[in-house]
Amino acid sequence: NGVLADAALDHLLIEVEQAFGNCPRYIRQRTPAYWPAGDVAVGGARVGTALSAEDRELIRRADTFFLGTANPGRGTDASHRGGPPGFVRVSGDQIWWPDFPGNNLFNSFGNLEVDRHAALLFPDFATGATLQLTGTAAVEWSAPDLAGDDAGTDRRVVFDVGRLVAAHLLPATRITTGT
């Protein structure tokens, strides 16, 4: 967490106020490659309350998304969530994912215990599409070896969609997977 002090095509400079280490296992390295601004169409936003077939497909193929939570007494938190494509499941307008081991600080889980409101951001680095979701989430503590407990942690997060904004917000940037 910090303040964006400088931004240019080749860098972002953040003055760090708080930092938490994350397990790099599910963080995919990507290298930005820039397109001329006219080469990518920026689409108008679609606002709604129900996921479309395209939204569900974007979620199912995601290997990265960001989870926003809040604690009224402590502030907000945005956390990376990653895994192999398909680790996020969609059933109707409910989304869930297994909790993979990370920094073992459980900031998001603590926030969800006091305030179930949450936000998800799914970026599609190949197309520039973004899917922003707001709704409510809860941690489910499950029995060992429950189907879909890919990480073997006996916990997952279940998110109920309340509102969505789908758009193309990464207009001049193509992110490629690094080696």
N, C-alpha and C. Protein backbone atom coordinates (compact mmCIF):
# COMPACT_ATOMS: atom_id res chain seq x y z
N ASN A 1 0.86 -1.16 0.00
CA ASN A 1 0.00 0.00 0.00
C ASN A 1 0.90 1.22 0.00
N GLY A 2 0.49 2.20 -0.76
CA GLY A 2 1.30 3.40 -0.81
C GLY A 2 0.69 4.44 -1.72
N VAL A 3 1.52 5.38 -2.15
CA VAL A 3 1.10 6.49 -2.98
C VAL A 3 1.84 6.41 -4.30
N LEU A 4 1.11 6.55 -5.40
CA LEU A 4 1.72 6.59 -6.72
C LEU A 4 2.41 7.94 -6.87
N ALA A 5 3.74 7.93 -6.90
CA ALA A 5 4.51 9.17 -6.95
C ALA A 5 4.85 9.59 -8.37
N ASP A 6 4.99 8.62 -9.29
CA ASP A 6 5.34 8.94 -10.66
C ASP A 6 4.89 7.80 -11.56
N ALA A 7 4.47 8.15 -12.77
CA ALA A 7 4.04 7.15 -13.74
C ALA A 7 4.49 7.58 -15.12
N ALA A 8 5.01 6.63 -15.88
CA ALA A 8 5.42 6.86 -17.26
C ALA A 8 5.21 5.55 -18.02
N LEU A 9 5.45 5.57 -19.31
CA LEU A 9 5.26 4.36 -20.11
C LEU A 9 6.16 3.22 -19.67
N ASP A 10 7.32 3.54 -19.11
CA ASP A 10 8.27 2.47 -18.76
C ASP A 10 8.38 2.19 -17.27
N HIS A 11 7.58 2.88 -16.43
CA HIS A 11 7.68 2.61 -15.00
C HIS A 11 6.52 3.22 -14.20
N LEU A 12 6.34 2.67 -13.01
CA LEU A 12 5.49 3.25 -11.98
C LEU A 12 6.35 3.37 -10.74
N LEU A 13 6.29 4.49 -10.05
CA LEU A 13 7.04 4.68 -8.81
C LEU A 13 6.04 4.82 -7.68
N ILE A 14 6.08 3.89 -6.74
CA ILE A 14 5.16 3.89 -5.61
C ILE A 14 5.96 4.13 -4.34
N GLU A 15 5.53 5.12 -3.56
CA GLU A 15 6.11 5.36 -2.25
C GLU A 15 5.39 4.42 -1.28
N VAL A 16 6.08 3.39 -0.85
CA VAL A 16 5.48 2.31 -0.07
C VAL A 16 5.24 2.75 1.37
N GLU A 17 4.00 2.51 1.86
CA GLU A 17 3.64 2.75 3.24
C GLU A 17 3.52 1.45 4.02
N GLN A 18 3.03 0.39 3.36
CA GLN A 18 2.91 -0.93 3.97
C GLN A 18 3.25 -1.97 2.91
N ALA A 19 3.91 -3.03 3.32
CA ALA A 19 4.23 -4.11 2.38
C ALA A 19 4.13 -5.45 3.09
N PHE A 20 3.54 -6.42 2.42
CA PHE A 20 3.44 -7.77 2.92
C PHE A 20 4.06 -8.69 1.89
N GLY A 21 4.86 -9.61 2.34
CA GLY A 21 5.44 -10.58 1.42
C GLY A 21 4.37 -11.55 0.94
N ASN A 22 4.48 -11.98 -0.29
CA ASN A 22 3.57 -12.96 -0.85
C ASN A 22 4.36 -14.13 -1.40
N CYS A 23 3.82 -15.30 -1.29
CA CYS A 23 4.41 -16.47 -1.88
C CYS A 23 4.38 -16.29 -3.40
N PRO A 24 5.51 -16.38 -4.09
CA PRO A 24 5.53 -16.13 -5.53
C PRO A 24 4.98 -17.28 -6.38
N ARG A 25 4.60 -18.38 -5.77
CA ARG A 25 4.19 -19.56 -6.53
C ARG A 25 3.09 -19.28 -7.55
N TYR A 26 2.10 -18.47 -7.20
CA TYR A 26 0.98 -18.23 -8.10
C TYR A 26 0.96 -16.82 -8.67
N ILE A 27 2.08 -16.13 -8.59
CA ILE A 27 2.19 -14.81 -9.21
C ILE A 27 2.91 -14.98 -10.53
N ARG A 28 2.20 -14.77 -11.63
CA ARG A 28 2.79 -14.92 -12.95
C ARG A 28 3.51 -13.64 -13.33
N GLN A 29 4.76 -13.78 -13.69
CA GLN A 29 5.52 -12.64 -14.15
C GLN A 29 5.05 -12.26 -15.54
N ARG A 30 4.82 -10.97 -15.74
CA ARG A 30 4.40 -10.47 -17.04
C ARG A 30 5.26 -9.27 -17.39
N THR A 31 5.49 -9.09 -18.67
CA THR A 31 6.27 -7.96 -19.16
C THR A 31 5.37 -7.10 -20.04
N PRO A 32 5.26 -5.82 -19.72
CA PRO A 32 4.39 -4.97 -20.55
C PRO A 32 4.99 -4.75 -21.94
N ALA A 33 4.15 -4.79 -22.94
CA ALA A 33 4.52 -4.44 -24.31
C ALA A 33 3.47 -3.44 -24.79
N TYR A 34 3.90 -2.30 -25.28
CA TYR A 34 2.97 -1.22 -25.58
C TYR A 34 2.54 -1.22 -27.03
N TRP A 35 1.25 -1.00 -27.24
CA TRP A 35 0.67 -0.87 -28.56
C TRP A 35 0.42 0.61 -28.80
N PRO A 36 0.49 1.03 -30.05
CA PRO A 36 0.05 2.41 -30.33
C PRO A 36 -1.41 2.56 -29.91
N ALA A 37 -1.75 3.71 -29.39
CA ALA A 37 -3.09 3.92 -28.82
C ALA A 37 -4.20 3.60 -29.80
N GLY A 38 -4.02 3.83 -31.10
CA GLY A 38 -5.07 3.59 -32.06
C GLY A 38 -5.27 2.13 -32.42
N ASP A 39 -4.37 1.24 -31.99
CA ASP A 39 -4.45 -0.17 -32.37
C ASP A 39 -5.43 -0.98 -31.54
N VAL A 40 -5.89 -0.46 -30.43
CA VAL A 40 -6.77 -1.21 -29.55
C VAL A 40 -8.03 -0.40 -29.30
N ALA A 41 -9.15 -0.99 -29.55
CA ALA A 41 -10.42 -0.29 -29.32
C ALA A 41 -10.76 -0.31 -27.85
N VAL A 42 -11.07 0.84 -27.31
CA VAL A 42 -11.53 0.93 -25.93
C VAL A 42 -13.05 0.86 -25.98
N GLY A 43 -13.61 -0.16 -25.32
CA GLY A 43 -15.05 -0.36 -25.37
C GLY A 43 -15.77 0.38 -24.27
N GLY A 44 -17.02 0.72 -24.53
CA GLY A 44 -17.85 1.31 -23.51
C GLY A 44 -18.15 0.29 -22.43
N ALA A 45 -18.41 0.77 -21.28
CA ALA A 45 -18.67 -0.11 -20.14
C ALA A 45 -20.08 -0.70 -20.20
N ARG A 46 -20.18 -1.95 -19.81
CA ARG A 46 -21.47 -2.61 -19.63
C ARG A 46 -21.67 -2.76 -18.13
N VAL A 47 -22.75 -2.23 -17.62
CA VAL A 47 -23.05 -2.28 -16.19
C VAL A 47 -24.24 -3.20 -16.01
N GLY A 48 -24.19 -4.04 -14.99
CA GLY A 48 -25.31 -4.94 -14.77
C GLY A 48 -25.25 -5.60 -13.41
N THR A 49 -26.12 -6.58 -13.23
CA THR A 49 -26.18 -7.32 -11.97
C THR A 49 -26.05 -8.82 -12.19
N ALA A 50 -25.96 -9.26 -13.45
CA ALA A 50 -25.86 -10.69 -13.74
C ALA A 50 -24.70 -10.93 -14.70
N LEU A 51 -23.95 -11.99 -14.46
CA LEU A 51 -22.83 -12.35 -15.31
C LEU A 51 -23.32 -12.85 -16.67
N SER A 52 -22.64 -12.42 -17.72
CA SER A 52 -22.93 -12.93 -19.07
C SER A 52 -22.08 -14.18 -19.31
N ALA A 53 -22.34 -14.86 -20.39
CA ALA A 53 -21.52 -16.02 -20.77
C ALA A 53 -20.06 -15.60 -20.96
N GLU A 54 -19.83 -14.43 -21.54
CA GLU A 54 -18.46 -13.93 -21.75
C GLU A 54 -17.78 -13.64 -20.41
N ASP A 55 -18.52 -13.08 -19.47
CA ASP A 55 -17.97 -12.82 -18.13
C ASP A 55 -17.54 -14.13 -17.47
N ARG A 56 -18.39 -15.13 -17.55
CA ARG A 56 -18.08 -16.42 -16.93
C ARG A 56 -16.83 -17.04 -17.56
N GLU A 57 -16.70 -16.91 -18.87
CA GLU A 57 -15.54 -17.46 -19.56
C GLU A 57 -14.26 -16.72 -19.16
N LEU A 58 -14.31 -15.40 -19.05
CA LEU A 58 -13.16 -14.62 -18.60
C LEU A 58 -12.72 -15.09 -17.21
N ILE A 59 -13.67 -15.26 -16.31
CA ILE A 59 -13.37 -15.71 -14.95
C ILE A 59 -12.76 -17.11 -14.98
N ARG A 60 -13.34 -18.01 -15.74
CA ARG A 60 -12.86 -19.40 -15.76
C ARG A 60 -11.43 -19.54 -16.30
N ARG A 61 -11.04 -18.66 -17.21
CA ARG A 61 -9.68 -18.78 -17.75
C ARG A 61 -8.65 -17.92 -17.00
N ALA A 62 -9.11 -17.17 -16.01
CA ALA A 62 -8.21 -16.28 -15.26
C ALA A 62 -7.18 -17.07 -14.45
N ASP A 63 -5.96 -16.55 -14.43
CA ASP A 63 -4.93 -17.07 -13.54
C ASP A 63 -4.57 -16.04 -12.46
N THR A 64 -5.22 -14.88 -12.54
CA THR A 64 -4.96 -13.78 -11.63
C THR A 64 -6.23 -12.96 -11.45
N PHE A 65 -6.49 -12.54 -10.23
CA PHE A 65 -7.49 -11.51 -9.99
C PHE A 65 -7.12 -10.80 -8.70
N PHE A 66 -7.82 -9.72 -8.41
CA PHE A 66 -7.53 -8.92 -7.23
C PHE A 66 -8.79 -8.85 -6.38
N LEU A 67 -8.62 -9.01 -5.07
CA LEU A 67 -9.71 -9.03 -4.10
C LEU A 67 -9.60 -7.79 -3.22
N GLY A 68 -10.66 -7.00 -3.19
CA GLY A 68 -10.71 -5.83 -2.33
C GLY A 68 -11.65 -6.08 -1.16
N THR A 69 -11.17 -5.79 0.04
CA THR A 69 -11.98 -5.94 1.25
C THR A 69 -11.75 -4.71 2.14
N ALA A 70 -12.58 -4.58 3.16
CA ALA A 70 -12.45 -3.43 4.06
C ALA A 70 -12.73 -3.85 5.49
N ASN A 71 -12.11 -3.14 6.39
CA ASN A 71 -12.36 -3.27 7.82
C ASN A 71 -12.66 -1.86 8.31
N PRO A 72 -13.88 -1.62 8.80
CA PRO A 72 -14.26 -0.25 9.18
C PRO A 72 -13.28 0.43 10.13
N GLY A 73 -12.63 -0.30 10.97
CA GLY A 73 -11.70 0.30 11.92
C GLY A 73 -10.25 0.34 11.46
N ARG A 74 -9.94 -0.33 10.36
CA ARG A 74 -8.53 -0.45 9.96
C ARG A 74 -8.23 -0.04 8.53
N GLY A 75 -9.24 0.16 7.70
CA GLY A 75 -8.99 0.57 6.33
C GLY A 75 -9.28 -0.53 5.33
N THR A 76 -8.78 -0.33 4.13
CA THR A 76 -9.07 -1.24 3.02
C THR A 76 -7.83 -2.05 2.65
N ASP A 77 -8.06 -3.13 1.91
CA ASP A 77 -6.98 -4.00 1.49
C ASP A 77 -7.28 -4.51 0.08
N ALA A 78 -6.29 -4.51 -0.77
CA ALA A 78 -6.40 -5.12 -2.09
C ALA A 78 -5.33 -6.20 -2.17
N SER A 79 -5.74 -7.42 -2.46
CA SER A 79 -4.82 -8.55 -2.46
C SER A 79 -4.87 -9.29 -3.78
N HIS A 80 -3.72 -9.76 -4.19
CA HIS A 80 -3.60 -10.61 -5.39
C HIS A 80 -4.08 -12.01 -5.05
N ARG A 81 -4.79 -12.62 -5.97
CA ARG A 81 -5.12 -14.04 -5.88
C ARG A 81 -4.71 -14.66 -7.21
N GLY A 82 -4.02 -15.77 -7.14
CA GLY A 82 -3.57 -16.41 -8.36
C GLY A 82 -3.59 -17.92 -8.24
N GLY A 83 -3.58 -18.57 -9.38
CA GLY A 83 -3.57 -20.02 -9.44
C GLY A 83 -3.58 -20.44 -10.90
N PRO A 84 -3.64 -21.71 -11.14
CA PRO A 84 -3.70 -22.15 -12.53
C PRO A 84 -5.04 -21.73 -13.16
N PRO A 85 -5.06 -21.48 -14.48
CA PRO A 85 -6.34 -21.16 -15.11
C PRO A 85 -7.39 -22.20 -14.72
N GLY A 86 -8.58 -21.73 -14.35
CA GLY A 86 -9.64 -22.62 -13.91
C GLY A 86 -9.76 -22.73 -12.40
N PHE A 87 -8.87 -22.09 -11.65
CA PHE A 87 -8.96 -22.21 -10.19
C PHE A 87 -10.15 -21.46 -9.62
N VAL A 88 -10.67 -20.50 -10.37
CA VAL A 88 -11.88 -19.79 -9.95
C VAL A 88 -13.08 -20.46 -10.61
N ARG A 89 -14.05 -20.84 -9.82
CA ARG A 89 -15.25 -21.53 -10.32
C ARG A 89 -16.42 -20.57 -10.37
N VAL A 90 -17.32 -20.79 -11.33
CA VAL A 90 -18.51 -19.96 -11.49
C VAL A 90 -19.71 -20.86 -11.57
N SER A 91 -20.73 -20.53 -10.76
CA SER A 91 -22.00 -21.24 -10.82
C SER A 91 -23.10 -20.19 -10.74
N GLY A 92 -23.75 -19.91 -11.87
CA GLY A 92 -24.73 -18.82 -11.90
C GLY A 92 -24.03 -17.50 -11.65
N ASP A 93 -24.47 -16.77 -10.64
CA ASP A 93 -23.83 -15.51 -10.27
C ASP A 93 -23.05 -15.65 -8.96
N GLN A 94 -22.65 -16.87 -8.66
CA GLN A 94 -21.81 -17.12 -7.49
C GLN A 94 -20.45 -17.61 -7.97
N ILE A 95 -19.41 -17.09 -7.35
CA ILE A 95 -18.04 -17.41 -7.71
C ILE A 95 -17.36 -17.94 -6.46
N TRP A 96 -16.51 -18.92 -6.63
CA TRP A 96 -15.72 -19.37 -5.48
C TRP A 96 -14.35 -19.82 -5.93
N TRP A 97 -13.42 -19.77 -5.01
CA TRP A 97 -12.06 -20.20 -5.29
C TRP A 97 -11.44 -20.79 -4.04
N PRO A 98 -10.54 -21.76 -4.22
CA PRO A 98 -9.83 -22.31 -3.07
C PRO A 98 -8.81 -21.30 -2.58
N ASP A 99 -8.53 -21.33 -1.30
CA ASP A 99 -7.52 -20.43 -0.74
C ASP A 99 -6.17 -21.12 -0.79
N PHE A 100 -5.32 -20.68 -1.70
CA PHE A 100 -3.97 -21.21 -1.79
C PHE A 100 -3.10 -20.57 -0.72
N PRO A 101 -2.10 -21.29 -0.22
CA PRO A 101 -1.20 -20.70 0.76
C PRO A 101 -0.52 -19.46 0.18
N GLY A 102 -0.36 -18.45 1.00
CA GLY A 102 0.28 -17.20 0.56
C GLY A 102 1.16 -16.66 1.66
N ASN A 103 0.83 -15.46 2.14
CA ASN A 103 1.66 -14.84 3.18
C ASN A 103 1.24 -15.21 4.59
N ASN A 104 0.18 -16.01 4.72
CA ASN A 104 -0.30 -16.50 6.03
C ASN A 104 -0.70 -15.38 6.98
N LEU A 105 -1.10 -14.22 6.46
CA LEU A 105 -1.53 -13.13 7.32
C LEU A 105 -3.05 -13.02 7.40
N PHE A 106 -3.77 -13.57 6.44
CA PHE A 106 -5.23 -13.62 6.47
C PHE A 106 -5.88 -12.24 6.60
N ASN A 107 -5.28 -11.21 5.99
CA ASN A 107 -5.87 -9.86 6.05
C ASN A 107 -7.27 -9.85 5.46
N SER A 108 -7.44 -10.43 4.28
CA SER A 108 -8.75 -10.43 3.62
C SER A 108 -9.77 -11.21 4.45
N PHE A 109 -9.36 -12.35 5.00
CA PHE A 109 -10.27 -13.16 5.80
C PHE A 109 -10.73 -12.41 7.04
N GLY A 110 -9.82 -11.72 7.69
CA GLY A 110 -10.18 -10.93 8.87
C GLY A 110 -11.16 -9.83 8.51
N ASN A 111 -10.91 -9.16 7.38
CA ASN A 111 -11.82 -8.12 6.93
C ASN A 111 -13.20 -8.69 6.65
N LEU A 112 -13.27 -9.84 5.97
CA LEU A 112 -14.57 -10.44 5.63
C LEU A 112 -15.35 -10.88 6.88
N GLU A 113 -14.65 -11.16 7.95
CA GLU A 113 -15.35 -11.52 9.19
C GLU A 113 -16.13 -10.34 9.76
N VAL A 114 -15.64 -9.11 9.55
CA VAL A 114 -16.32 -7.94 10.11
C VAL A 114 -17.14 -7.19 9.07
N ASP A 115 -16.86 -7.40 7.78
CA ASP A 115 -17.60 -6.72 6.71
C ASP A 115 -17.55 -7.60 5.46
N ARG A 116 -18.69 -8.20 5.10
CA ARG A 116 -18.73 -9.14 3.99
C ARG A 116 -18.68 -8.48 2.62
N HIS A 117 -18.76 -7.16 2.54
CA HIS A 117 -18.67 -6.49 1.25
C HIS A 117 -17.28 -6.71 0.66
N ALA A 118 -17.26 -6.98 -0.64
CA ALA A 118 -15.98 -7.25 -1.31
C ALA A 118 -16.07 -6.83 -2.77
N ALA A 119 -14.92 -6.69 -3.38
CA ALA A 119 -14.83 -6.36 -4.80
C ALA A 119 -13.77 -7.25 -5.44
N LEU A 120 -14.03 -7.65 -6.68
CA LEU A 120 -13.09 -8.46 -7.44
C LEU A 120 -12.79 -7.72 -8.75
N LEU A 121 -11.55 -7.81 -9.19
CA LEU A 121 -11.15 -7.27 -10.48
C LEU A 121 -10.43 -8.38 -11.25
N PHE A 122 -11.00 -8.75 -12.39
CA PHE A 122 -10.41 -9.73 -13.28
C PHE A 122 -9.88 -9.01 -14.51
N PRO A 123 -8.56 -8.88 -14.67
CA PRO A 123 -8.02 -8.30 -15.90
C PRO A 123 -7.72 -9.41 -16.91
N ASP A 124 -8.03 -9.17 -18.16
CA ASP A 124 -7.63 -10.08 -19.23
C ASP A 124 -6.47 -9.40 -19.94
N PHE A 125 -5.27 -9.83 -19.61
CA PHE A 125 -4.08 -9.16 -20.10
C PHE A 125 -3.92 -9.29 -21.62
N ALA A 126 -4.48 -10.31 -22.22
CA ALA A 126 -4.35 -10.52 -23.66
C ALA A 126 -5.24 -9.59 -24.46
N THR A 127 -6.42 -9.25 -23.93
CA THR A 127 -7.38 -8.46 -24.72
C THR A 127 -7.58 -7.05 -24.18
N GLY A 128 -7.17 -6.78 -22.95
CA GLY A 128 -7.43 -5.49 -22.33
C GLY A 128 -8.76 -5.42 -21.63
N ALA A 129 -9.54 -6.50 -21.68
CA ALA A 129 -10.84 -6.52 -21.01
C ALA A 129 -10.66 -6.53 -19.50
N THR A 130 -11.59 -5.91 -18.81
CA THR A 130 -11.62 -5.96 -17.36
C THR A 130 -13.04 -6.28 -16.91
N LEU A 131 -13.13 -7.00 -15.82
CA LEU A 131 -14.42 -7.31 -15.20
C LEU A 131 -14.31 -6.94 -13.73
N GLN A 132 -15.09 -5.93 -13.33
CA GLN A 132 -15.11 -5.47 -11.95
C GLN A 132 -16.42 -5.93 -11.31
N LEU A 133 -16.31 -6.58 -10.18
CA LEU A 133 -17.49 -7.11 -9.50
C LEU A 133 -17.53 -6.57 -8.08
N THR A 134 -18.72 -6.23 -7.61
CA THR A 134 -18.93 -5.93 -6.20
C THR A 134 -20.03 -6.85 -5.70
N GLY A 135 -19.96 -7.17 -4.43
CA GLY A 135 -20.94 -8.05 -3.83
C GLY A 135 -20.54 -8.39 -2.42
N THR A 136 -20.87 -9.60 -2.01
CA THR A 136 -20.52 -10.05 -0.67
C THR A 136 -19.76 -11.37 -0.77
N ALA A 137 -18.92 -11.59 0.21
CA ALA A 137 -18.09 -12.80 0.22
C ALA A 137 -18.01 -13.35 1.64
N ALA A 138 -17.76 -14.65 1.71
CA ALA A 138 -17.58 -15.31 3.01
C ALA A 138 -16.57 -16.42 2.85
N VAL A 139 -15.83 -16.64 3.92
CA VAL A 139 -14.88 -17.75 3.96
C VAL A 139 -15.64 -18.98 4.42
N GLU A 140 -15.49 -20.06 3.67
CA GLU A 140 -16.08 -21.34 4.07
C GLU A 140 -14.97 -22.27 4.50
N TRP A 141 -15.04 -22.72 5.72
CA TRP A 141 -14.09 -23.69 6.24
C TRP A 141 -14.69 -25.06 5.96
N SER A 142 -13.98 -25.89 5.26
CA SER A 142 -14.55 -27.14 4.76
C SER A 142 -13.86 -28.35 5.37
N ALA A 143 -14.41 -29.48 5.03
CA ALA A 143 -13.82 -30.75 5.47
C ALA A 143 -12.58 -31.04 4.63
N PRO A 144 -11.62 -31.76 5.17
CA PRO A 144 -10.44 -32.12 4.39
C PRO A 144 -10.82 -32.87 3.12
N ASP A 145 -10.09 -32.59 2.06
CA ASP A 145 -10.25 -33.25 0.77
C ASP A 145 -11.61 -33.02 0.12
N LEU A 146 -12.26 -31.90 0.42
CA LEU A 146 -13.50 -31.54 -0.24
C LEU A 146 -13.22 -31.34 -1.73
N ALA A 147 -14.09 -31.81 -2.59
CA ALA A 147 -13.91 -31.63 -4.03
C ALA A 147 -13.69 -30.15 -4.34
N GLY A 148 -12.67 -29.85 -5.13
CA GLY A 148 -12.36 -28.48 -5.49
C GLY A 148 -11.41 -27.79 -4.53
N ASP A 149 -11.02 -28.45 -3.44
CA ASP A 149 -10.04 -27.86 -2.52
C ASP A 149 -8.65 -28.12 -3.10
N ASP A 150 -8.36 -27.43 -4.20
CA ASP A 150 -7.13 -27.66 -4.95
C ASP A 150 -5.87 -27.47 -4.12
N ALA A 151 -5.92 -26.62 -3.14
CA ALA A 151 -4.74 -26.31 -2.34
C ALA A 151 -4.61 -27.18 -1.10
N GLY A 152 -5.67 -27.93 -0.77
CA GLY A 152 -5.62 -28.75 0.43
C GLY A 152 -5.59 -27.95 1.71
N THR A 153 -6.17 -26.74 1.69
CA THR A 153 -6.15 -25.88 2.88
C THR A 153 -7.42 -25.97 3.71
N ASP A 154 -8.43 -26.68 3.20
CA ASP A 154 -9.72 -26.83 3.88
C ASP A 154 -10.47 -25.52 4.02
N ARG A 155 -10.24 -24.60 3.06
CA ARG A 155 -10.98 -23.34 3.08
C ARG A 155 -11.09 -22.81 1.65
N ARG A 156 -12.19 -22.10 1.43
CA ARG A 156 -12.40 -21.42 0.16
C ARG A 156 -13.20 -20.16 0.43
N VAL A 157 -13.26 -19.29 -0.56
CA VAL A 157 -14.03 -18.06 -0.45
C VAL A 157 -15.17 -18.15 -1.47
N VAL A 158 -16.38 -17.81 -1.03
CA VAL A 158 -17.55 -17.80 -1.90
C VAL A 158 -18.02 -16.36 -2.02
N PHE A 159 -18.19 -15.91 -3.26
CA PHE A 159 -18.55 -14.53 -3.57
C PHE A 159 -19.87 -14.50 -4.33
N ASP A 160 -20.80 -13.67 -3.87
CA ASP A 160 -22.09 -13.48 -4.55
C ASP A 160 -22.07 -12.13 -5.25
N VAL A 161 -22.27 -12.16 -6.57
CA VAL A 161 -22.23 -10.95 -7.39
C VAL A 161 -23.43 -10.06 -7.07
N GLY A 162 -23.16 -8.79 -6.83
CA GLY A 162 -24.21 -7.81 -6.65
C GLY A 162 -24.30 -6.88 -7.85
N ARG A 163 -23.15 -6.45 -8.35
CA ARG A 163 -23.09 -5.50 -9.47
C ARG A 163 -21.80 -5.75 -10.23
N LEU A 164 -21.82 -5.44 -11.53
CA LEU A 164 -20.62 -5.63 -12.34
C LEU A 164 -20.45 -4.49 -13.33
N VAL A 165 -19.19 -4.28 -13.70
CA VAL A 165 -18.83 -3.36 -14.76
C VAL A 165 -17.83 -4.11 -15.64
N ALA A 166 -18.19 -4.31 -16.90
CA ALA A 166 -17.31 -4.96 -17.86
C ALA A 166 -16.90 -3.92 -18.89
N ALA A 167 -15.60 -3.85 -19.17
CA ALA A 167 -15.11 -2.84 -20.12
C ALA A 167 -13.76 -3.28 -20.68
N HIS A 168 -13.22 -2.47 -21.54
CA HIS A 168 -11.84 -2.61 -22.00
C HIS A 168 -11.09 -1.40 -21.47
N LEU A 169 -10.41 -1.58 -20.34
CA LEU A 169 -9.75 -0.47 -19.66
C LEU A 169 -8.23 -0.51 -19.78
N LEU A 170 -7.70 -1.46 -20.50
CA LEU A 170 -6.25 -1.53 -20.69
C LEU A 170 -5.96 -1.25 -22.17
N PRO A 171 -6.27 -0.03 -22.65
CA PRO A 171 -6.32 0.22 -24.08
C PRO A 171 -5.00 0.15 -24.82
N ALA A 172 -3.93 0.66 -24.29
CA ALA A 172 -2.69 0.72 -25.06
C ALA A 172 -1.63 -0.20 -24.50
N THR A 173 -2.00 -1.16 -23.70
CA THR A 173 -1.02 -2.02 -23.05
C THR A 173 -1.35 -3.46 -23.31
N ARG A 174 -0.38 -4.19 -23.74
CA ARG A 174 -0.52 -5.64 -23.85
C ARG A 174 0.50 -6.23 -22.89
N ILE A 175 0.05 -7.08 -22.00
CA ILE A 175 0.94 -7.71 -21.03
C ILE A 175 1.26 -9.11 -21.53
N THR A 176 2.51 -9.40 -21.66
CA THR A 176 2.93 -10.73 -22.11
C THR A 176 3.56 -11.48 -20.96
N THR A 177 3.44 -12.78 -20.97
CA THR A 177 4.01 -13.60 -19.92
C THR A 177 5.52 -13.56 -20.02
N GLY A 178 6.17 -13.31 -18.91
CA GLY A 178 7.64 -13.30 -18.87
C GLY A 178 8.18 -14.71 -18.72
N THR A 179 9.45 -14.85 -18.92
CA THR A 179 10.09 -16.17 -18.80
C THR A 179 10.86 -16.27 -17.51
